[in-house]
Amino acid sequence: MNFKSLALLLTVAAAPQAVMGGPLAYGICQTGCNCLAVACYAGAGFTFGVPIPGSTPAAIMACNAGLGTCMAACAAIALTPTP
């Protein structure tokens, strides 16, 4: 193998490749969403994950809607190529 071929091979191997965000990025995103949901519940005076007897308050419904939107964005992040 001559020097030019070796230099080309090393350059291509060292170049940053686009990779999928994958499970790690998805997990980090979901953790962030859940942290925001816990803060939202706490701000409304409730504890995240504890069942509420009777009807669900509007503040909790708003927190759940925000959590759903955030989780949907996580699905997009998991499929987006990242350098």
PDB file of N, CA and C in Angstrom:
ATOM      1  N   MET A   1       0.847  -1.164   0.000  1.00  0.00           N
ATOM      2  CA  MET A   1       0.000   0.000   0.000  1.00  0.00           C
ATOM      3  C   MET A   1       0.900   1.237   0.000  1.00  0.00           C
ATOM      4  N   ASN A   2       0.584   2.151  -0.890  1.00  0.00           N
ATOM      5  CA  ASN A   2       1.417   3.349  -0.944  1.00  0.00           C
ATOM      6  C   ASN A   2       0.952   4.393   0.069  1.00  0.00           C
ATOM      7  N   PHE A   3       1.720   5.448   0.188  1.00  0.00           N
ATOM      8  CA  PHE A   3       1.469   6.470   1.202  1.00  0.00           C
ATOM      9  C   PHE A   3       0.138   7.181   0.981  1.00  0.00           C
ATOM     10  N   LYS A   4      -0.219   7.476  -0.287  1.00  0.00           N
ATOM     11  CA  LYS A   4      -1.471   8.189  -0.568  1.00  0.00           C
ATOM     12  C   LYS A   4      -2.683   7.351  -0.156  1.00  0.00           C
ATOM     13  N   SER A   5      -2.636   6.065  -0.428  1.00  0.00           N
ATOM     14  CA  SER A   5      -3.750   5.195  -0.061  1.00  0.00           C
ATOM     15  C   SER A   5      -3.890   5.121   1.457  1.00  0.00           C
ATOM     16  N   LEU A   6      -2.771   5.026   2.148  1.00  0.00           N
ATOM     17  CA  LEU A   6      -2.794   4.972   3.606  1.00  0.00           C
ATOM     18  C   LEU A   6      -3.326   6.286   4.190  1.00  0.00           C
ATOM     19  N   ALA A   7      -2.886   7.408   3.631  1.00  0.00           N
ATOM     20  CA  ALA A   7      -3.347   8.713   4.107  1.00  0.00           C
ATOM     21  C   ALA A   7      -4.850   8.871   3.874  1.00  0.00           C
ATOM     22  N   LEU A   8      -5.346   8.419   2.722  1.00  0.00           N
ATOM     23  CA  LEU A   8      -6.769   8.496   2.432  1.00  0.00           C
ATOM     24  C   LEU A   8      -7.573   7.617   3.391  1.00  0.00           C
ATOM     25  N   LEU A   9      -7.097   6.412   3.635  1.00  0.00           N
ATOM     26  CA  LEU A   9      -7.770   5.502   4.543  1.00  0.00           C
ATOM     27  C   LEU A   9      -7.841   6.086   5.957  1.00  0.00           C
ATOM     28  N   LEU A  10      -6.762   6.646   6.451  1.00  0.00           N
ATOM     29  CA  LEU A  10      -6.748   7.235   7.787  1.00  0.00           C
ATOM     30  C   LEU A  10      -7.633   8.472   7.882  1.00  0.00           C
ATOM     31  N   THR A  11      -7.679   9.268   6.807  1.00  0.00           N
ATOM     32  CA  THR A  11      -8.524  10.460   6.798  1.00  0.00           C
ATOM     33  C   THR A  11     -10.000  10.084   6.867  1.00  0.00           C
ATOM     34  N   VAL A  12     -10.396   9.104   6.088  1.00  0.00           N
ATOM     35  CA  VAL A  12     -11.790   8.666   6.085  1.00  0.00           C
ATOM     36  C   VAL A  12     -12.156   8.031   7.431  1.00  0.00           C
ATOM     37  N   ALA A  13     -11.247   7.248   7.988  1.00  0.00           N
ATOM     38  CA  ALA A  13     -11.520   6.595   9.267  1.00  0.00           C
ATOM     39  C   ALA A  13     -11.612   7.602  10.413  1.00  0.00           C
ATOM     40  N   ALA A  14     -10.868   8.688  10.347  1.00  0.00           N
ATOM     41  CA  ALA A  14     -10.848   9.675  11.418  1.00  0.00           C
ATOM     42  C   ALA A  14     -11.950  10.726  11.281  1.00  0.00           C
ATOM     43  N   ALA A  15     -12.588  10.810  10.118  1.00  0.00           N
ATOM     44  CA  ALA A  15     -13.627  11.811   9.899  1.00  0.00           C
ATOM     45  C   ALA A  15     -14.840  11.483  10.763  1.00  0.00           C
ATOM     46  N   PRO A  16     -15.460  12.501  11.339  1.00  0.00           N
ATOM     47  CA  PRO A  16     -16.650  12.239  12.158  1.00  0.00           C
ATOM     48  C   PRO A  16     -17.776  11.686  11.294  1.00  0.00           C
ATOM     49  N   GLN A  17     -18.409  10.662  11.774  1.00  0.00           N
ATOM     50  CA  GLN A  17     -19.503  10.026  11.064  1.00  0.00           C
ATOM     51  C   GLN A  17     -20.812  10.402  11.742  1.00  0.00           C
ATOM     52  N   ALA A  18     -21.875  10.535  10.954  1.00  0.00           N
ATOM     53  CA  ALA A  18     -23.195  10.792  11.525  1.00  0.00           C
ATOM     54  C   ALA A  18     -23.711   9.493  12.133  1.00  0.00           C
ATOM     55  N   VAL A  19     -24.193   9.565  13.342  1.00  0.00           N
ATOM     56  CA  VAL A  19     -24.727   8.392  14.019  1.00  0.00           C
ATOM     57  C   VAL A  19     -26.133   8.711  14.520  1.00  0.00           C
ATOM     58  N   MET A  20     -26.885   7.696  14.794  1.00  0.00           N
ATOM     59  CA  MET A  20     -28.220   7.890  15.337  1.00  0.00           C
ATOM     60  C   MET A  20     -28.094   8.228  16.824  1.00  0.00           C
ATOM     61  N   GLY A  21     -28.980   9.073  17.308  1.00  0.00           N
ATOM     62  CA  GLY A  21     -28.970   9.428  18.722  1.00  0.00           C
ATOM     63  C   GLY A  21     -29.161   8.207  19.602  1.00  0.00           C
ATOM     64  N   GLY A  22     -30.053   7.356  19.188  1.00  0.00           N
ATOM     65  CA  GLY A  22     -30.239   6.073  19.825  1.00  0.00           C
ATOM     66  C   GLY A  22     -30.814   6.102  21.222  1.00  0.00           C
ATOM     67  N   PRO A  23     -30.697   4.968  21.883  1.00  0.00           N
ATOM     68  CA  PRO A  23     -31.335   4.802  23.191  1.00  0.00           C
ATOM     69  C   PRO A  23     -30.806   5.744  24.265  1.00  0.00           C
ATOM     70  N   LEU A  24     -29.544   6.092  24.218  1.00  0.00           N
ATOM     71  CA  LEU A  24     -28.978   6.968  25.244  1.00  0.00           C
ATOM     72  C   LEU A  24     -29.604   8.365  25.173  1.00  0.00           C
ATOM     73  N   ALA A  25     -29.651   8.931  23.973  1.00  0.00           N
ATOM     74  CA  ALA A  25     -30.253  10.258  23.819  1.00  0.00           C
ATOM     75  C   ALA A  25     -31.737  10.227  24.172  1.00  0.00           C
ATOM     76  N   TYR A  26     -32.415   9.151  23.804  1.00  0.00           N
ATOM     77  CA  TYR A  26     -33.837   8.996  24.110  1.00  0.00           C
ATOM     78  C   TYR A  26     -34.053   8.921  25.620  1.00  0.00           C
ATOM     79  N   GLY A  27     -33.223   8.154  26.303  1.00  0.00           N
ATOM     80  CA  GLY A  27     -33.334   8.030  27.757  1.00  0.00           C
ATOM     81  C   GLY A  27     -33.070   9.337  28.476  1.00  0.00           C
ATOM     82  N   ILE A  28     -32.065  10.082  28.017  1.00  0.00           N
ATOM     83  CA  ILE A  28     -31.753  11.380  28.619  1.00  0.00           C
ATOM     84  C   ILE A  28     -32.912  12.346  28.411  1.00  0.00           C
ATOM     85  N   CYS A  29     -33.483  12.317  27.233  1.00  0.00           N
ATOM     86  CA  CYS A  29     -34.612  13.202  26.932  1.00  0.00           C
ATOM     87  C   CYS A  29     -35.816  12.855  27.806  1.00  0.00           C
ATOM     88  N   GLN A  30     -36.119  11.568  27.940  1.00  0.00           N
ATOM     89  CA  GLN A  30     -37.250  11.168  28.775  1.00  0.00           C
ATOM     90  C   GLN A  30     -37.034  11.542  30.240  1.00  0.00           C
ATOM     91  N   THR A  31     -35.810  11.426  30.705  1.00  0.00           N
ATOM     92  CA  THR A  31     -35.506  11.815  32.082  1.00  0.00           C
ATOM     93  C   THR A  31     -35.776  13.303  32.283  1.00  0.00           C
ATOM     94  N   GLY A  32     -35.370  14.107  31.316  1.00  0.00           N
ATOM     95  CA  GLY A  32     -35.639  15.546  31.387  1.00  0.00           C
ATOM     96  C   GLY A  32     -37.124  15.847  31.392  1.00  0.00           C
ATOM     97  N   CYS A  33     -37.873  15.139  30.547  1.00  0.00           N
ATOM     98  CA  CYS A  33     -39.337  15.339  30.510  1.00  0.00           C
ATOM     99  C   CYS A  33     -39.968  14.988  31.849  1.00  0.00           C
ATOM    100  N   ASN A  34     -39.551  13.878  32.423  1.00  0.00           N
ATOM    101  CA  ASN A  34     -40.121  13.458  33.705  1.00  0.00           C
ATOM    102  C   ASN A  34     -39.756  14.418  34.826  1.00  0.00           C
ATOM    103  N   CYS A  35     -38.551  14.970  34.789  1.00  0.00           N
ATOM    104  CA  CYS A  35     -38.157  15.972  35.796  1.00  0.00           C
ATOM    105  C   CYS A  35     -39.048  17.211  35.694  1.00  0.00           C
ATOM    106  N   LEU A  36     -39.343  17.626  34.464  1.00  0.00           N
ATOM    107  CA  LEU A  36     -40.232  18.776  34.289  1.00  0.00           C
ATOM    108  C   LEU A  36     -41.650  18.456  34.751  1.00  0.00           C
ATOM    109  N   ALA A  37     -42.103  17.240  34.520  1.00  0.00           N
ATOM    110  CA  ALA A  37     -43.441  16.853  34.970  1.00  0.00           C
ATOM    111  C   ALA A  37     -43.521  16.853  36.495  1.00  0.00           C
ATOM    112  N   VAL A  38     -42.490  16.356  37.149  1.00  0.00           N
ATOM    113  CA  VAL A  38     -42.462  16.361  38.618  1.00  0.00           C
ATOM    114  C   VAL A  38     -42.503  17.798  39.136  1.00  0.00           C
ATOM    115  N   ALA A  39     -41.752  18.686  38.495  1.00  0.00           N
ATOM    116  CA  ALA A  39     -41.756  20.092  38.903  1.00  0.00           C
ATOM    117  C   ALA A  39     -43.125  20.727  38.667  1.00  0.00           C
ATOM    118  N   CYS A  40     -43.765  20.359  37.564  1.00  0.00           N
ATOM    119  CA  CYS A  40     -45.095  20.889  37.260  1.00  0.00           C
ATOM    120  C   CYS A  40     -46.110  20.431  38.309  1.00  0.00           C
ATOM    121  N   TYR A  41     -46.072  19.151  38.632  1.00  0.00           N
ATOM    122  CA  TYR A  41     -46.969  18.621  39.659  1.00  0.00           C
ATOM    123  C   TYR A  41     -46.715  19.314  41.003  1.00  0.00           C
ATOM    124  N   ALA A  42     -45.445  19.456  41.366  1.00  0.00           N
ATOM    125  CA  ALA A  42     -45.113  20.092  42.641  1.00  0.00           C
ATOM    126  C   ALA A  42     -45.593  21.546  42.672  1.00  0.00           C
ATOM    127  N   GLY A  43     -45.444  22.221  41.534  1.00  0.00           N
ATOM    128  CA  GLY A  43     -45.924  23.604  41.452  1.00  0.00           C
ATOM    129  C   GLY A  43     -47.429  23.708  41.617  1.00  0.00           C
ATOM    130  N   ALA A  44     -48.124  22.650  41.204  1.00  0.00           N
ATOM    131  CA  ALA A  44     -49.587  22.633  41.350  1.00  0.00           C
ATOM    132  C   ALA A  44     -50.019  22.116  42.720  1.00  0.00           C
ATOM    133  N   GLY A  45     -49.042  21.667  43.533  1.00  0.00           N
ATOM    134  CA  GLY A  45     -49.353  21.193  44.877  1.00  0.00           C
ATOM    135  C   GLY A  45     -49.654  19.711  44.970  1.00  0.00           C
ATOM    136  N   PHE A  46     -49.205  18.937  43.990  1.00  0.00           N
ATOM    137  CA  PHE A  46     -49.458  17.493  43.979  1.00  0.00           C
ATOM    138  C   PHE A  46     -48.147  16.733  43.904  1.00  0.00           C
ATOM    139  N   THR A  47     -48.204  15.432  44.107  1.00  0.00           N
ATOM    140  CA  THR A  47     -47.031  14.564  44.005  1.00  0.00           C
ATOM    141  C   THR A  47     -47.170  13.702  42.758  1.00  0.00           C
ATOM    142  N   PHE A  48     -46.156  13.737  41.906  1.00  0.00           N
ATOM    143  CA  PHE A  48     -46.176  12.971  40.652  1.00  0.00           C
ATOM    144  C   PHE A  48     -46.214  11.476  40.960  1.00  0.00           C
ATOM    145  N   GLY A  49     -47.134  10.761  40.316  1.00  0.00           N
ATOM    146  CA  GLY A  49     -47.215   9.325  40.493  1.00  0.00           C
ATOM    147  C   GLY A  49     -48.176   8.858  41.563  1.00  0.00           C
ATOM    148  N   VAL A  50     -48.755   9.784  42.311  1.00  0.00           N
ATOM    149  CA  VAL A  50     -49.702   9.415  43.373  1.00  0.00           C
ATOM    150  C   VAL A  50     -51.119   9.582  42.818  1.00  0.00           C
ATOM    151  N   PRO A  51     -51.934   8.519  42.881  1.00  0.00           N
ATOM    152  CA  PRO A  51     -53.297   8.617  42.341  1.00  0.00           C
ATOM    153  C   PRO A  51     -54.146   9.619  43.122  1.00  0.00           C
ATOM    154  N   ILE A  52     -55.023  10.295  42.399  1.00  0.00           N
ATOM    155  CA  ILE A  52     -55.901  11.291  42.999  1.00  0.00           C
ATOM    156  C   ILE A  52     -57.326  10.739  42.949  1.00  0.00           C
ATOM    157  N   PRO A  53     -57.970  10.567  44.099  1.00  0.00           N
ATOM    158  CA  PRO A  53     -59.350  10.083  44.073  1.00  0.00           C
ATOM    159  C   PRO A  53     -60.288  11.142  43.489  1.00  0.00           C
ATOM    160  N   GLY A  54     -61.268  10.695  42.747  1.00  0.00           N
ATOM    161  CA  GLY A  54     -62.228  11.634  42.164  1.00  0.00           C
ATOM    162  C   GLY A  54     -61.757  12.142  40.818  1.00  0.00           C
ATOM    163  N   SER A  55     -62.175  13.342  40.477  1.00  0.00           N
ATOM    164  CA  SER A  55     -61.816  13.914  39.178  1.00  0.00           C
ATOM    165  C   SER A  55     -60.397  14.501  39.207  1.00  0.00           C
ATOM    166  N   THR A  56     -59.790  14.548  38.047  1.00  0.00           N
ATOM    167  CA  THR A  56     -58.419  15.062  37.933  1.00  0.00           C
ATOM    168  C   THR A  56     -58.448  16.582  37.764  1.00  0.00           C
ATOM    169  N   PRO A  57     -57.695  17.327  38.581  1.00  0.00           N
ATOM    170  CA  PRO A  57     -57.675  18.792  38.456  1.00  0.00           C
ATOM    171  C   PRO A  57     -57.100  19.245  37.105  1.00  0.00           C
ATOM    172  N   ALA A  58     -57.512  20.409  36.673  1.00  0.00           N
ATOM    173  CA  ALA A  58     -57.067  20.956  35.390  1.00  0.00           C
ATOM    174  C   ALA A  58     -55.553  21.151  35.354  1.00  0.00           C
ATOM    175  N   ALA A  59     -54.951  21.512  36.468  1.00  0.00           N
ATOM    176  CA  ALA A  59     -53.492  21.717  36.500  1.00  0.00           C
ATOM    177  C   ALA A  59     -52.755  20.417  36.187  1.00  0.00           C
ATOM    178  N   ILE A  60     -53.267  19.300  36.711  1.00  0.00           N
ATOM    179  CA  ILE A  60     -52.646  18.007  36.450  1.00  0.00           C
ATOM    180  C   ILE A  60     -52.821  17.626  34.989  1.00  0.00           C
ATOM    181  N   MET A  61     -53.982  17.913  34.428  1.00  0.00           N
ATOM    182  CA  MET A  61     -54.221  17.633  33.010  1.00  0.00           C
ATOM    183  C   MET A  61     -53.254  18.439  32.136  1.00  0.00           C
ATOM    184  N   ALA A  62     -52.985  19.684  32.527  1.00  0.00           N
ATOM    185  CA  ALA A  62     -52.038  20.511  31.774  1.00  0.00           C
ATOM    186  C   ALA A  62     -50.622  19.954  31.884  1.00  0.00           C
ATOM    187  N   CYS A  63     -50.251  19.482  33.078  1.00  0.00           N
ATOM    188  CA  CYS A  63     -48.928  18.867  33.260  1.00  0.00           C
ATOM    189  C   CYS A  63     -48.797  17.613  32.395  1.00  0.00           C
ATOM    190  N   ASN A  64     -49.862  16.803  32.355  1.00  0.00           N
ATOM    191  CA  ASN A  64     -49.835  15.583  31.556  1.00  0.00           C
ATOM    192  C   ASN A  64     -49.750  15.890  30.064  1.00  0.00           C
ATOM    193  N   ALA A  65     -50.422  16.944  29.623  1.00  0.00           N
ATOM    194  CA  ALA A  65     -50.352  17.340  28.215  1.00  0.00           C
ATOM    195  C   ALA A  65     -48.933  17.787  27.857  1.00  0.00           C
ATOM    196  N   GLY A  66     -48.329  18.546  28.751  1.00  0.00           N
ATOM    197  CA  GLY A  66     -46.940  18.967  28.522  1.00  0.00           C
ATOM    198  C   GLY A  66     -45.981  17.792  28.494  1.00  0.00           C
ATOM    199  N   LEU A  67     -46.213  16.823  29.380  1.00  0.00           N
ATOM    200  CA  LEU A  67     -45.370  15.627  29.403  1.00  0.00           C
ATOM    201  C   LEU A  67     -45.511  14.847  28.104  1.00  0.00           C
ATOM    202  N   GLY A  68     -46.719  14.730  27.595  1.00  0.00           N
ATOM    203  CA  GLY A  68     -46.941  14.027  26.334  1.00  0.00           C
ATOM    204  C   GLY A  68     -46.253  14.708  25.165  1.00  0.00           C
ATOM    205  N   THR A  69     -46.302  16.030  25.126  1.00  0.00           N
ATOM    206  CA  THR A  69     -45.639  16.785  24.064  1.00  0.00           C
ATOM    207  C   THR A  69     -44.126  16.606  24.138  1.00  0.00           C
ATOM    208  N   CYS A  70     -43.595  16.644  25.347  1.00  0.00           N
ATOM    209  CA  CYS A  70     -42.158  16.473  25.544  1.00  0.00           C
ATOM    210  C   CYS A  70     -41.718  15.075  25.120  1.00  0.00           C
ATOM    211  N   MET A  71     -42.489  14.052  25.491  1.00  0.00           N
ATOM    212  CA  MET A  71     -42.149  12.670  25.125  1.00  0.00           C
ATOM    213  C   MET A  71     -42.207  12.466  23.618  1.00  0.00           C
ATOM    214  N   ALA A  72     -43.142  13.147  22.950  1.00  0.00           N
ATOM    215  CA  ALA A  72     -43.213  13.061  21.490  1.00  0.00           C
ATOM    216  C   ALA A  72     -41.953  13.659  20.855  1.00  0.00           C
ATOM    217  N   ALA A  73     -41.452  14.739  21.435  1.00  0.00           N
ATOM    218  CA  ALA A  73     -40.205  15.331  20.936  1.00  0.00           C
ATOM    219  C   ALA A  73     -39.036  14.381  21.162  1.00  0.00           C
ATOM    220  N   CYS A  74     -39.073  13.605  22.241  1.00  0.00           N
ATOM    221  CA  CYS A  74     -38.013  12.624  22.504  1.00  0.00           C
ATOM    222  C   CYS A  74     -37.971  11.560  21.420  1.00  0.00           C
ATOM    223  N   ALA A  75     -39.136  11.162  20.933  1.00  0.00           N
ATOM    224  CA  ALA A  75     -39.172  10.162  19.862  1.00  0.00           C
ATOM    225  C   ALA A  75     -38.468  10.686  18.623  1.00  0.00           C
ATOM    226  N   ALA A  76     -38.644  11.966  18.324  1.00  0.00           N
ATOM    227  CA  ALA A  76     -37.963  12.564  17.176  1.00  0.00           C
ATOM    228  C   ALA A  76     -36.457  12.633  17.412  1.00  0.00           C
ATOM    229  N   ILE A  77     -36.056  12.920  18.644  1.00  0.00           N
ATOM    230  CA  ILE A  77     -34.626  13.003  18.965  1.00  0.00           C
ATOM    231  C   ILE A  77     -33.961  11.637  18.806  1.00  0.00           C
ATOM    232  N   ALA A  78     -34.670  10.601  19.166  1.00  0.00           N
ATOM    233  CA  ALA A  78     -34.093   9.249  19.078  1.00  0.00           C
ATOM    234  C   ALA A  78     -33.814   8.855  17.636  1.00  0.00           C
ATOM    235  N   LEU A  79     -34.530   9.428  16.688  1.00  0.00           N
ATOM    236  CA  LEU A  79     -34.372   9.064  15.281  1.00  0.00           C
ATOM    237  C   LEU A  79     -33.540  10.065  14.483  1.00  0.00           C
ATOM    238  N   THR A  80     -33.122  11.156  15.102  1.00  0.00           N
ATOM    239  CA  THR A  80     -32.363  12.191  14.403  1.00  0.00           C
ATOM    240  C   THR A  80     -30.869  11.881  14.419  1.00  0.00           C
ATOM    241  N   PRO A  81     -30.232  11.933  13.238  1.00  0.00           N
ATOM    242  CA  PRO A  81     -28.775  11.713  13.245  1.00  0.00           C
ATOM    243  C   PRO A  81     -28.046  12.820  13.994  1.00  0.00           C
ATOM    244  N   THR A  82     -27.069  12.468  14.794  1.00  0.00           N
ATOM    245  CA  THR A  82     -26.260  13.447  15.527  1.00  0.00           C
ATOM    246  C   THR A  82     -24.794  13.228  15.194  1.00  0.00           C
ATOM    247  N   PRO A  83     -24.052  14.295  15.027  1.00  0.00           N
ATOM    248  CA  PRO A  83     -22.629  14.125  14.674  1.00  0.00           C
ATOM    249  C   PRO A  83     -21.802  13.641  15.846  1.00  0.00           C
TER     250      PRO A  83
END
